[in-house]
Protein backbone atom coordinates (compact mmCIF):
# COMPACT_ATOMS: atom_id res chain seq x y z
CA MET A 1 -0.05 0.08 0.02
CA LYS A 2 1.10 3.75 -0.47
CA ILE A 3 0.61 5.23 2.97
CA LEU A 4 0.66 8.89 4.03
CA LEU A 5 1.92 9.01 7.72
CA THR A 6 2.31 12.00 10.01
CA GLY A 7 4.40 12.01 13.37
CA ILE A 8 7.51 9.87 12.30
CA SER A 9 9.77 11.91 14.69
CA SER A 10 8.00 10.50 17.68
CA PHE A 11 8.90 7.30 19.35
CA THR A 12 5.81 5.19 18.24
CA GLY A 13 5.82 7.06 14.99
CA PHE A 14 9.45 6.10 14.25
CA TRP A 15 8.68 2.33 14.92
CA PHE A 16 5.33 2.47 12.99
CA ALA A 17 7.20 3.73 9.89
CA SER A 18 9.97 1.05 10.31
CA GLU A 19 7.33 -1.64 10.54
CA LEU A 20 5.38 -0.38 7.45
CA SER A 21 8.43 -0.12 5.46
CA SER A 22 9.67 -3.57 6.31
CA ARG A 23 6.29 -5.10 5.31
CA GLY A 24 6.77 -3.58 1.91
CA HIS A 25 4.42 -0.70 2.02
CA GLU A 26 5.44 2.73 0.47
CA VAL A 27 5.40 5.22 3.14
CA ILE A 28 5.31 9.06 2.63
CA ALA A 29 6.18 10.97 5.86
CA THR A 30 5.31 14.50 6.52
CA LEU A 31 7.45 16.49 8.99
CA THR A 32 6.59 19.68 10.28
CA LYS A 33 10.17 21.24 10.34
CA ASN A 34 12.08 22.30 7.18
CA SER A 35 15.14 19.95 7.43
CA PRO A 36 16.46 17.16 9.73
CA ASP A 37 19.09 19.62 11.02
CA GLU A 38 16.21 21.42 12.88
CA TYR A 39 15.48 18.45 14.95
CA GLU A 40 17.44 17.76 18.12
CA GLY A 41 18.20 15.03 20.54
CA ILE A 42 16.39 11.63 20.28
CA ARG A 43 14.11 12.94 17.54
CA LYS A 44 17.06 13.84 15.39
CA GLU A 45 18.43 10.40 15.92
CA ARG A 46 15.29 8.77 14.88
CA ILE A 47 14.87 10.78 11.93
CA SER A 48 18.47 9.96 10.81
CA LEU A 49 17.65 6.24 11.03
CA ILE A 50 14.36 6.42 9.18
CA LEU A 51 14.92 8.55 6.27
CA ASP A 52 16.09 5.72 3.99
CA LYS A 53 12.97 3.96 4.73
CA VAL A 54 10.38 6.44 3.79
CA THR A 55 9.85 9.32 1.23
CA PRO A 56 10.17 12.31 3.52
CA VAL A 57 8.17 15.62 3.01
CA PHE A 58 9.56 18.41 5.25
CA GLY A 59 7.96 21.64 6.11
CA SER A 60 4.41 20.05 5.87
CA ARG A 61 1.58 20.11 8.61
CA PHE A 62 -1.74 18.31 8.68
CA GLY A 63 -4.26 19.89 6.20
CA ASP A 64 -1.95 22.32 4.41
CA ALA A 65 -1.54 22.68 0.60
CA VAL A 66 1.50 20.34 0.39
CA PHE A 67 -0.32 17.73 2.50
CA ASN A 68 -3.41 17.95 0.19
CA ASP A 69 -0.95 17.58 -2.72
CA ILE A 70 0.22 14.33 -1.63
CA ILE A 71 -3.09 13.03 -1.32
CA GLU A 72 -3.93 14.27 -4.93
CA SER A 73 -0.61 12.29 -5.89
CA GLY A 74 -2.53 9.13 -4.85
CA ILE A 75 -2.48 7.33 -1.48
CA ASP A 76 -4.31 4.22 -0.21
CA VAL A 77 -4.32 5.05 3.55
CA LEU A 78 -3.98 8.17 5.69
CA CYS A 79 -2.35 7.40 9.02
CA HIS A 80 -2.95 10.37 11.25
CA HIS A 81 -0.37 9.63 13.97
CA GLY A 82 1.14 13.11 14.69
CA SER A 83 -0.42 15.36 17.03
CA GLU A 84 0.10 18.56 18.74
CA VAL A 85 2.16 17.75 22.11
CA THR A 86 3.73 21.04 23.17
CA ASP A 87 3.63 20.90 27.21
CA TYR A 88 1.31 17.71 26.92
CA LYS A 89 2.11 16.97 30.58
CA SER A 90 0.89 20.30 31.87
CA MET A 91 -2.63 21.38 32.91
CA LYS A 92 -1.70 24.57 30.89
CA PHE A 93 -1.68 22.34 27.74
CA ASP A 94 -3.63 24.43 25.09
CA ILE A 95 -6.66 21.96 24.15
CA ALA A 96 -8.24 24.51 21.70
CA ASN A 97 -4.86 25.00 19.77
CA ALA A 98 -4.10 21.21 19.86
CA VAL A 99 -7.47 20.29 18.28
CA LYS A 100 -7.11 22.97 15.71
CA GLN A 101 -3.48 21.80 14.71
CA ASN A 102 -4.70 18.05 14.65
CA THR A 103 -7.83 18.89 12.40
CA ASN A 104 -6.58 21.67 10.35
CA ASN A 105 -8.57 22.01 7.15
CA ILE A 106 -10.16 18.77 7.91
CA LEU A 107 -12.93 19.07 5.63
CA SER A 108 -10.64 19.70 2.85
CA VAL A 109 -8.60 16.85 3.77
CA ILE A 110 -11.41 14.41 3.71
CA GLU A 111 -12.89 15.76 0.43
CA HIS A 112 -9.23 15.25 -1.25
CA LEU A 113 -9.36 11.87 0.06
CA LYS A 114 -12.70 11.05 -1.39
CA MET A 115 -11.94 12.75 -4.71
CA ASN A 116 -8.62 10.65 -5.05
CA LYS A 117 -10.22 7.26 -4.20
CA CYS A 118 -8.78 6.93 -0.69
CA ASN A 119 -11.27 5.63 1.48
CA SER A 120 -9.37 4.83 4.71
CA ILE A 121 -7.99 6.94 7.60
CA VAL A 122 -6.15 5.32 10.68
CA TYR A 123 -6.16 7.61 13.70
CA THR A 124 -3.83 6.99 16.59
CA GLY A 125 -5.67 7.41 20.12
CA SER A 126 -4.42 7.04 23.58
CA VAL A 127 -5.61 4.74 26.53
CA PHE A 128 -5.47 7.97 28.62
CA GLU A 129 -8.36 9.74 26.65
CA PRO A 130 -11.90 9.62 28.34
CA ASN A 131 -13.89 6.38 27.96
CA GLU A 132 -10.81 4.35 26.63
CA GLY A 133 -9.65 1.02 28.01
CA SER A 134 -10.76 -0.08 31.20
CA GLY A 135 -9.97 0.53 34.89
CA THR A 136 -10.88 3.06 37.63
CA GLU A 137 -14.33 4.62 37.10
CA PRO A 138 -15.23 6.98 35.82
CA LEU A 139 -12.99 6.73 32.86
CA ASN A 140 -11.92 10.52 32.79
CA ALA A 141 -9.35 11.99 30.55
CA PHE A 142 -5.75 11.80 32.41
CA SER A 143 -4.96 15.24 31.04
CA PRO A 144 -5.84 18.11 28.87
CA TYR A 145 -3.77 16.43 26.19
CA GLY A 146 -5.79 13.13 26.65
CA LEU A 147 -8.96 15.29 26.16
CA SER A 148 -7.46 16.99 22.99
CA LYS A 149 -6.82 13.51 21.42
CA SER A 150 -10.40 12.33 22.17
CA LEU A 151 -11.85 15.60 20.67
CA THR A 152 -9.78 15.09 17.64
CA TYR A 153 -11.25 11.62 17.03
CA GLU A 154 -14.72 12.73 17.53
CA ILE A 155 -14.03 15.44 14.58
CA LEU A 156 -12.56 12.97 12.42
CA ARG A 157 -15.33 10.44 13.06
CA TYR A 158 -17.98 13.03 12.12
CA TYR A 159 -16.49 13.87 8.84
CA CYS A 160 -15.57 10.41 7.89
CA SER A 161 -19.13 9.37 8.46
CA THR A 162 -20.56 12.36 6.58
CA LEU A 163 -18.15 11.64 3.63
CA GLU A 164 -18.17 7.68 3.99
CA ILE A 165 -14.57 7.34 4.68
CA LYS A 166 -13.51 4.49 6.84
CA LEU A 167 -12.14 5.22 9.98
CA GLY A 168 -9.81 2.95 12.31
CA LYS A 169 -8.73 4.01 15.89
CA PHE A 170 -5.47 2.53 17.13
CA VAL A 171 -5.39 3.16 20.91
CA ILE A 172 -1.86 3.19 22.38
CA PRO A 173 -1.09 2.01 26.02
CA ASN A 174 2.35 2.54 27.56
CA PRO A 175 4.86 1.52 24.81
CA PHE A 176 8.66 1.20 25.65
CA GLY A 177 11.69 0.07 23.86
CA PRO A 178 14.70 1.39 21.97
CA PHE A 179 14.74 4.95 20.87
CA GLU A 180 12.38 6.20 23.38
CA GLU A 181 12.55 9.52 25.39
CA ALA A 182 14.18 9.66 28.81
CA ARG A 183 11.23 8.10 30.51
CA PHE A 184 10.72 5.34 33.09
CA THR A 185 12.55 2.40 31.43
CA ASN A 186 15.40 4.65 30.56
CA TYR A 187 15.34 5.90 34.39
CA LEU A 188 15.61 2.38 35.73
CA ILE A 189 18.39 1.22 33.23
CA GLN A 190 20.46 4.20 33.41
CA ASN A 191 20.57 4.01 37.15
CA TRP A 192 21.53 0.41 37.07
CA PHE A 193 24.43 1.06 34.66
CA ASN A 194 25.67 3.76 37.08
CA GLY A 195 25.36 1.42 40.06
CA LYS A 196 22.38 3.12 41.60
CA THR A 197 19.30 1.93 43.07
CA PRO A 198 16.22 3.67 41.22
CA GLU A 199 13.22 4.58 43.42
CA VAL A 200 9.76 4.01 42.10
CA LYS A 201 7.50 6.70 43.26
CA THR A 202 4.07 5.26 41.96
CA PRO A 203 4.36 1.54 42.28
CA ASP A 204 0.65 1.05 42.89
CA TYR A 205 -0.58 2.53 39.55
CA ILE A 206 -1.82 -0.34 37.09
CA ARG A 207 -0.87 0.30 33.69
CA ASP A 208 -0.56 -1.44 30.44
CA ASN A 209 3.08 -1.52 29.09
CA ILE A 210 3.87 -2.88 25.88
CA HIS A 211 6.93 -3.50 23.86
CA VAL A 212 7.00 -1.02 20.99
CA ASP A 213 7.84 -3.50 18.20
CA LEU A 214 4.89 -5.57 19.18
CA LEU A 215 2.86 -2.43 19.19
CA ALA A 216 4.18 -1.66 15.70
CA THR A 217 3.24 -5.03 14.39
CA ALA A 218 -0.28 -4.76 15.73
CA TYR A 219 -0.31 -1.36 14.09
CA GLU A 220 0.45 -2.64 10.47
CA SER A 221 -2.03 -5.52 10.93
CA PHE A 222 -4.80 -3.20 12.22
CA LEU A 223 -4.24 -1.06 9.08
CA GLN A 224 -4.53 -4.03 6.79
CA LYS A 225 -7.81 -4.82 8.56
CA VAL A 226 -9.11 -1.30 8.08
CA PHE A 227 -8.19 -1.08 4.39
CA ASN A 228 -9.43 -4.50 3.41
CA GLY A 229 -12.58 -4.55 5.62
CA ASN A 230 -16.10 -2.95 5.13
CA ASN A 231 -16.68 -1.49 8.71
CA PRO A 232 -17.15 2.24 8.63
CA VAL A 233 -15.59 2.72 12.15
CA SER A 234 -13.17 0.09 13.79
CA LYS A 235 -11.04 0.20 17.01
CA THR A 236 -8.37 -1.95 18.47
CA ASN A 237 -7.03 -1.58 22.08
CA PRO A 238 -3.80 -3.53 21.96
CA GLY A 239 -2.06 -4.47 25.44
CA LEU A 240 0.51 -6.66 26.90
CA TYR A 241 1.86 -6.18 30.33
CA ALA A 242 -1.22 -5.19 32.35
CA GLU A 243 0.15 -4.91 35.93
CA SER A 244 1.12 -2.61 38.69
CA GLN A 245 4.22 -0.30 37.99
CA GLY A 246 6.06 -2.11 40.92
CA THR A 247 5.33 -5.54 39.21
CA PHE A 248 6.52 -4.10 35.88
CA THR A 249 9.61 -2.79 37.48
CA GLY A 250 10.44 -6.18 38.83
CA ARG A 251 9.83 -7.77 35.33
CA ILE A 252 12.40 -5.13 33.71
CA ALA A 253 14.97 -5.77 36.43
CA ARG A 254 14.84 -9.64 35.87
CA GLU A 255 15.04 -9.33 32.19
CA MET A 256 17.88 -6.90 32.30
CA GLU A 257 19.93 -8.48 34.92
CA SER A 258 20.10 -11.80 33.22
CA ARG A 259 21.26 -10.06 30.06
CA LEU A 260 23.34 -7.02 31.23
CA ASN A 261 25.31 -8.99 34.14
CA ILE A 262 24.76 -5.95 36.34
CA LYS A 263 22.78 -5.58 39.70
CA CYS A 264 19.29 -4.45 38.91
CA ASP A 265 18.13 -3.55 42.45
CA PHE A 266 15.27 -1.13 42.96
CA LYS A 267 13.24 0.28 45.66
CA LEU A 268 9.31 0.55 45.70
CA LEU A 269 8.18 3.68 47.76
CA GLN A 270 4.92 4.00 49.52
CA GLN A 271 2.75 5.66 47.07
CA THR A 272 1.39 9.17 48.25
CA ASP A 273 0.39 10.63 44.77
CA PHE A 274 -2.90 9.25 43.52
CA SER A 275 -3.63 12.31 41.14
CA GLU A 276 -4.20 9.87 38.28
CA PRO A 277 -6.54 6.96 38.13
CA LEU A 278 -5.30 3.94 39.89
CA GLU A 279 -5.98 1.50 36.97
CA ARG A 280 -6.10 2.23 33.24
CA ILE A 281 -5.29 -0.49 30.90
CA ASN A 282 -6.11 -1.59 27.26
CA THR A 283 -8.74 -4.24 26.75
CA ASP A 284 -7.29 -6.41 23.76
CA SER A 285 -4.27 -8.65 24.91
CA ILE A 286 -2.08 -9.54 21.84
CA ARG A 287 0.66 -11.68 23.70
CA ASP A 288 -0.14 -14.75 21.39
CA VAL A 289 -1.58 -12.97 18.36
CA PHE A 290 1.33 -12.36 16.20
CA ASN A 291 4.47 -14.28 15.36
CA TRP A 292 6.68 -12.21 17.78
CA SER A 293 9.33 -13.36 20.22
CA GLU A 294 9.12 -11.80 23.53
CA THR A 295 12.81 -13.01 24.32
CA GLU A 296 14.13 -11.33 21.23
CA ALA A 297 12.42 -8.08 22.31
CA TRP A 298 14.13 -8.16 25.64
CA ASP A 299 17.36 -9.04 23.78
CA ARG A 300 16.96 -5.91 21.61
CA LEU A 301 16.33 -3.71 24.62
CA ALA A 302 19.35 -4.90 26.37
CA ASP A 303 21.53 -4.42 23.30
CA TYR A 304 20.29 -0.85 22.78
CA TYR A 305 21.07 0.27 26.47
CA SER A 306 24.35 -1.53 26.27
CA ALA A 307 25.39 0.46 23.30
CA LYS A 308 24.02 3.54 24.72
CA TYR A 309 25.57 3.46 28.24
CA LEU A 310 28.85 1.37 27.66
CA LYS A 311 30.30 3.63 24.78
């Protein structure tokens, strides 16, 4: 298939683009900045590794003239993965601006798809949106960012329904793996390499962590189902390790200790911050769905961090 994909500089976008390319799809990737040199840090590293696997189009945003020109050139599926994330962890996150950016000229985009015989959109959602996954009731949005993702989807669903474009929603839980930002997994492993004992402040939260390569495999499979199917609206909520963060920490420690040959001790603190819902997980376990090796996924993670911290 010929796929137009947004958001490849992100952690999951990088892995989705890699998986789609490895499966033989032609991926046209829009990037908002004007050149690779304008990116920094881990995003720049991802882009440098993915450029030879996609056709990059720099300086284009969702819904602008360049974006619609790509659609007019002929595509099979629009994968709307990128979204506005500035200050996404803050309560000051600008919901209205995010939704505006995420749905820029949405009617024009949908009309261009329709006119050029592309009848499928796959949108990336989040388990932290309101009414997604399962867990502590009510299923409120975790943050203004989560709310912006939900509002974006509802706008997409309205226009897709009106103009008869198939819409698939791929709901992401907590992915982890090589080339992610300096988040929880990186925090643990960096401390272990430095001979320190990391502290886990929120061990009681029950979350759904998943290897990013398995998530990417599920994404490509879901895209195929949306494209080849007849359902006007489809959704999948893939998950893997639905467990407390304390239990997940122990899982990472066991897997890394046996591979890195270093002590992977950790300390679970008594949790005092319950500002987020106690439990939020995805509902579709995919552990045995694909031809995927859990052992090899842990091997890749260990190899990545060995190269990163043993330079």
